[in-house]
Amino acid sequence: MREAEKLSKKITELEELEQNFRDKVNYLLIRLPNIMHETVPNGKDENDNVEVKVWGKIPVFGFKPKDHIELMSDLDLADLERAAR
């Protein structure tokens, strides 16, 4: 019975140790940047991006399209000034 009690305590200690290691590993993994595929070209900025594929027809508008922020404000869907505060 004493050995079973010792084993139970040892299991609890090891589980806590395992959780500490998992937390440390997750902490480090979250801070790793994404690794680019070797086929991705190096560039200084977005102008050096290479277009690989275009799908569908790009629409042409007879007006300047609004972005999502303008649409939300115009339709009173969000109070962006209040959210910024």
N, C-alpha and C. Protein backbone atom coordinates (compact mmCIF):
# COMPACT_ATOMS: atom_id res chain seq x y z
N MET A 1 0.82 -1.19 0.00
CA MET A 1 0.00 0.00 0.00
C MET A 1 0.87 1.26 0.00
N ARG A 2 2.01 1.17 0.76
CA ARG A 2 2.89 2.33 0.79
C ARG A 2 3.53 2.57 -0.57
N GLU A 3 3.89 1.47 -1.24
CA GLU A 3 4.49 1.62 -2.57
C GLU A 3 3.50 2.20 -3.57
N ALA A 4 2.26 1.79 -3.49
CA ALA A 4 1.22 2.32 -4.38
C ALA A 4 1.04 3.81 -4.12
N GLU A 5 1.11 4.23 -2.86
CA GLU A 5 0.99 5.65 -2.53
C GLU A 5 2.18 6.43 -3.08
N LYS A 6 3.38 5.84 -2.97
CA LYS A 6 4.59 6.48 -3.51
C LYS A 6 4.48 6.61 -5.03
N LEU A 7 3.99 5.56 -5.67
CA LEU A 7 3.83 5.59 -7.12
C LEU A 7 2.84 6.68 -7.53
N SER A 8 1.77 6.81 -6.78
CA SER A 8 0.78 7.82 -7.09
C SER A 8 1.39 9.22 -7.00
N LYS A 9 2.19 9.47 -5.97
CA LYS A 9 2.85 10.76 -5.82
C LYS A 9 3.86 10.99 -6.95
N LYS A 10 4.60 9.94 -7.28
CA LYS A 10 5.61 10.05 -8.34
C LYS A 10 4.93 10.37 -9.68
N ILE A 11 3.81 9.71 -9.95
CA ILE A 11 3.06 9.97 -11.20
C ILE A 11 2.60 11.42 -11.24
N THR A 12 2.11 11.92 -10.12
CA THR A 12 1.65 13.31 -10.06
C THR A 12 2.81 14.27 -10.32
N GLU A 13 3.96 14.01 -9.71
CA GLU A 13 5.15 14.85 -9.92
C GLU A 13 5.58 14.84 -11.38
N LEU A 14 5.60 13.65 -11.98
CA LEU A 14 6.03 13.54 -13.37
C LEU A 14 5.03 14.21 -14.32
N GLU A 15 3.75 14.13 -14.02
CA GLU A 15 2.74 14.80 -14.85
C GLU A 15 2.91 16.31 -14.79
N GLU A 16 3.23 16.84 -13.60
CA GLU A 16 3.47 18.28 -13.46
C GLU A 16 4.72 18.68 -14.25
N LEU A 17 5.76 17.86 -14.17
CA LEU A 17 6.99 18.12 -14.91
C LEU A 17 6.73 18.10 -16.42
N GLU A 18 5.96 17.13 -16.86
CA GLU A 18 5.61 17.03 -18.28
C GLU A 18 4.86 18.29 -18.73
N GLN A 19 3.90 18.74 -17.92
CA GLN A 19 3.13 19.93 -18.28
C GLN A 19 4.03 21.16 -18.36
N ASN A 20 5.00 21.27 -17.46
CA ASN A 20 5.95 22.39 -17.51
C ASN A 20 6.74 22.36 -18.81
N PHE A 21 7.20 21.19 -19.22
CA PHE A 21 7.93 21.06 -20.48
C PHE A 21 7.04 21.40 -21.67
N ARG A 22 5.80 20.93 -21.64
CA ARG A 22 4.87 21.25 -22.74
C ARG A 22 4.65 22.76 -22.84
N ASP A 23 4.49 23.40 -21.69
CA ASP A 23 4.30 24.85 -21.68
C ASP A 23 5.51 25.58 -22.26
N LYS A 24 6.71 25.13 -21.91
CA LYS A 24 7.93 25.75 -22.43
C LYS A 24 8.05 25.55 -23.95
N VAL A 25 7.76 24.34 -24.40
CA VAL A 25 7.83 24.04 -25.83
C VAL A 25 6.82 24.90 -26.59
N ASN A 26 5.59 24.97 -26.11
CA ASN A 26 4.57 25.79 -26.76
C ASN A 26 4.95 27.25 -26.77
N TYR A 27 5.54 27.74 -25.68
CA TYR A 27 5.98 29.13 -25.60
C TYR A 27 7.00 29.41 -26.71
N LEU A 28 7.94 28.50 -26.89
CA LEU A 28 8.97 28.69 -27.92
C LEU A 28 8.41 28.53 -29.33
N LEU A 29 7.53 27.56 -29.54
CA LEU A 29 6.97 27.33 -30.87
C LEU A 29 6.13 28.50 -31.35
N ILE A 30 5.41 29.13 -30.45
CA ILE A 30 4.57 30.27 -30.82
C ILE A 30 5.42 31.42 -31.34
N ARG A 31 6.66 31.52 -30.90
CA ARG A 31 7.52 32.63 -31.28
C ARG A 31 8.34 32.37 -32.54
N LEU A 32 8.25 31.16 -33.09
CA LEU A 32 8.95 30.86 -34.33
C LEU A 32 8.22 31.47 -35.52
N PRO A 33 8.93 32.13 -36.41
CA PRO A 33 8.26 32.66 -37.60
C PRO A 33 7.93 31.53 -38.58
N ASN A 34 7.03 31.83 -39.51
CA ASN A 34 6.74 30.86 -40.56
C ASN A 34 7.96 30.70 -41.44
N ILE A 35 8.24 29.48 -41.82
CA ILE A 35 9.38 29.20 -42.69
C ILE A 35 8.87 29.16 -44.12
N MET A 36 9.45 29.99 -44.97
CA MET A 36 9.03 30.07 -46.36
C MET A 36 9.52 28.85 -47.14
N HIS A 37 8.75 28.47 -48.13
CA HIS A 37 9.13 27.39 -49.02
C HIS A 37 10.35 27.84 -49.82
N GLU A 38 11.20 26.90 -50.19
CA GLU A 38 12.44 27.26 -50.89
C GLU A 38 12.19 27.90 -52.26
N THR A 39 10.99 27.73 -52.82
CA THR A 39 10.70 28.32 -54.12
C THR A 39 10.28 29.79 -54.02
N VAL A 40 10.05 30.28 -52.79
CA VAL A 40 9.64 31.67 -52.61
C VAL A 40 10.85 32.57 -52.83
N PRO A 41 10.75 33.52 -53.78
CA PRO A 41 11.90 34.40 -54.05
C PRO A 41 12.09 35.42 -52.93
N ASN A 42 13.35 35.77 -52.69
CA ASN A 42 13.66 36.81 -51.72
C ASN A 42 13.40 38.16 -52.35
N GLY A 43 12.92 39.09 -51.58
CA GLY A 43 12.65 40.42 -52.09
C GLY A 43 12.66 41.44 -50.98
N LYS A 44 12.81 42.70 -51.36
CA LYS A 44 12.86 43.77 -50.37
C LYS A 44 11.47 44.14 -49.88
N ASP A 45 10.48 44.11 -50.77
CA ASP A 45 9.13 44.50 -50.40
C ASP A 45 8.12 43.78 -51.29
N GLU A 46 6.85 44.17 -51.20
CA GLU A 46 5.79 43.49 -51.95
C GLU A 46 5.93 43.64 -53.46
N ASN A 47 6.69 44.62 -53.92
CA ASN A 47 6.89 44.79 -55.37
C ASN A 47 7.71 43.65 -55.97
N ASP A 48 8.45 42.93 -55.13
CA ASP A 48 9.25 41.81 -55.61
C ASP A 48 8.47 40.49 -55.61
N ASN A 49 7.20 40.54 -55.23
CA ASN A 49 6.38 39.33 -55.23
C ASN A 49 6.17 38.84 -56.67
N VAL A 50 6.09 37.53 -56.81
CA VAL A 50 5.87 36.92 -58.11
C VAL A 50 4.45 36.37 -58.14
N GLU A 51 3.67 36.77 -59.14
CA GLU A 51 2.32 36.25 -59.29
C GLU A 51 2.39 34.86 -59.89
N VAL A 52 1.90 33.88 -59.17
CA VAL A 52 2.01 32.49 -59.60
C VAL A 52 0.78 32.07 -60.39
N LYS A 53 -0.39 32.51 -59.93
CA LYS A 53 -1.62 32.05 -60.55
C LYS A 53 -2.70 33.10 -60.38
N VAL A 54 -3.52 33.27 -61.40
CA VAL A 54 -4.68 34.16 -61.33
C VAL A 54 -5.89 33.31 -61.66
N TRP A 55 -6.92 33.45 -60.83
CA TRP A 55 -8.11 32.65 -61.03
C TRP A 55 -9.30 33.58 -61.19
N GLY A 56 -10.09 33.35 -62.16
CA GLY A 56 -11.28 34.15 -62.39
C GLY A 56 -10.98 35.45 -63.12
N LYS A 57 -12.04 36.18 -63.41
CA LYS A 57 -11.91 37.43 -64.12
C LYS A 57 -11.93 38.58 -63.11
N ILE A 58 -10.99 39.49 -63.21
CA ILE A 58 -10.91 40.62 -62.30
C ILE A 58 -11.98 41.63 -62.70
N PRO A 59 -12.89 41.99 -61.77
CA PRO A 59 -13.98 42.90 -62.13
C PRO A 59 -13.47 44.33 -62.36
N VAL A 60 -14.15 45.03 -63.26
CA VAL A 60 -13.86 46.43 -63.52
C VAL A 60 -15.10 47.22 -63.13
N PHE A 61 -14.93 48.20 -62.26
CA PHE A 61 -16.04 49.00 -61.77
C PHE A 61 -16.03 50.38 -62.41
N GLY A 62 -17.19 50.96 -62.57
CA GLY A 62 -17.30 52.31 -63.08
C GLY A 62 -17.25 53.33 -61.95
N PHE A 63 -16.83 52.90 -60.78
CA PHE A 63 -16.73 53.76 -59.60
C PHE A 63 -15.60 53.24 -58.74
N LYS A 64 -15.21 54.03 -57.74
CA LYS A 64 -14.16 53.60 -56.82
C LYS A 64 -14.80 52.72 -55.74
N PRO A 65 -14.46 51.43 -55.69
CA PRO A 65 -15.05 50.55 -54.68
C PRO A 65 -14.62 50.96 -53.27
N LYS A 66 -15.52 50.75 -52.32
CA LYS A 66 -15.22 51.05 -50.92
C LYS A 66 -14.61 49.83 -50.25
N ASP A 67 -13.73 50.10 -49.29
CA ASP A 67 -13.18 48.97 -48.52
C ASP A 67 -14.14 48.63 -47.38
N HIS A 68 -13.81 47.60 -46.64
CA HIS A 68 -14.73 47.11 -45.61
C HIS A 68 -14.94 48.14 -44.49
N ILE A 69 -13.95 48.96 -44.21
CA ILE A 69 -14.09 49.96 -43.16
C ILE A 69 -15.09 51.03 -43.59
N GLU A 70 -14.98 51.50 -44.82
CA GLU A 70 -15.93 52.50 -45.33
C GLU A 70 -17.35 51.93 -45.35
N LEU A 71 -17.49 50.69 -45.78
CA LEU A 71 -18.82 50.07 -45.84
C LEU A 71 -19.43 49.95 -44.45
N MET A 72 -18.65 49.51 -43.47
CA MET A 72 -19.17 49.37 -42.12
C MET A 72 -19.60 50.72 -41.55
N SER A 73 -18.80 51.75 -41.81
CA SER A 73 -19.14 53.08 -41.31
C SER A 73 -20.39 53.63 -42.00
N ASP A 74 -20.45 53.51 -43.31
CA ASP A 74 -21.59 54.03 -44.07
C ASP A 74 -22.90 53.34 -43.70
N LEU A 75 -22.83 52.05 -43.43
CA LEU A 75 -24.03 51.29 -43.10
C LEU A 75 -24.30 51.24 -41.60
N ASP A 76 -23.49 51.97 -40.83
CA ASP A 76 -23.63 52.05 -39.38
C ASP A 76 -23.62 50.65 -38.74
N LEU A 77 -22.69 49.83 -39.21
CA LEU A 77 -22.55 48.47 -38.69
C LEU A 77 -21.55 48.38 -37.55
N ALA A 78 -20.68 49.39 -37.44
CA ALA A 78 -19.66 49.37 -36.39
C ALA A 78 -19.33 50.80 -36.00
N ASP A 79 -19.06 51.01 -34.71
CA ASP A 79 -18.61 52.31 -34.21
C ASP A 79 -17.09 52.22 -34.04
N LEU A 80 -16.38 52.51 -35.12
CA LEU A 80 -14.93 52.34 -35.14
C LEU A 80 -14.22 53.34 -34.23
N GLU A 81 -14.76 54.54 -34.10
CA GLU A 81 -14.14 55.53 -33.22
C GLU A 81 -14.22 55.08 -31.77
N ARG A 82 -15.35 54.53 -31.40
CA ARG A 82 -15.50 54.02 -30.03
C ARG A 82 -14.62 52.80 -29.81
N ALA A 83 -14.53 51.95 -30.82
CA ALA A 83 -13.68 50.74 -30.69
C ALA A 83 -12.22 51.13 -30.55
N ALA A 84 -11.80 52.20 -31.20
CA ALA A 84 -10.40 52.64 -31.12
C ALA A 84 -10.06 53.15 -29.72
N ARG A 85 -11.06 53.72 -29.05
CA ARG A 85 -10.81 54.20 -27.68
C ARG A 85 -10.69 53.03 -26.74
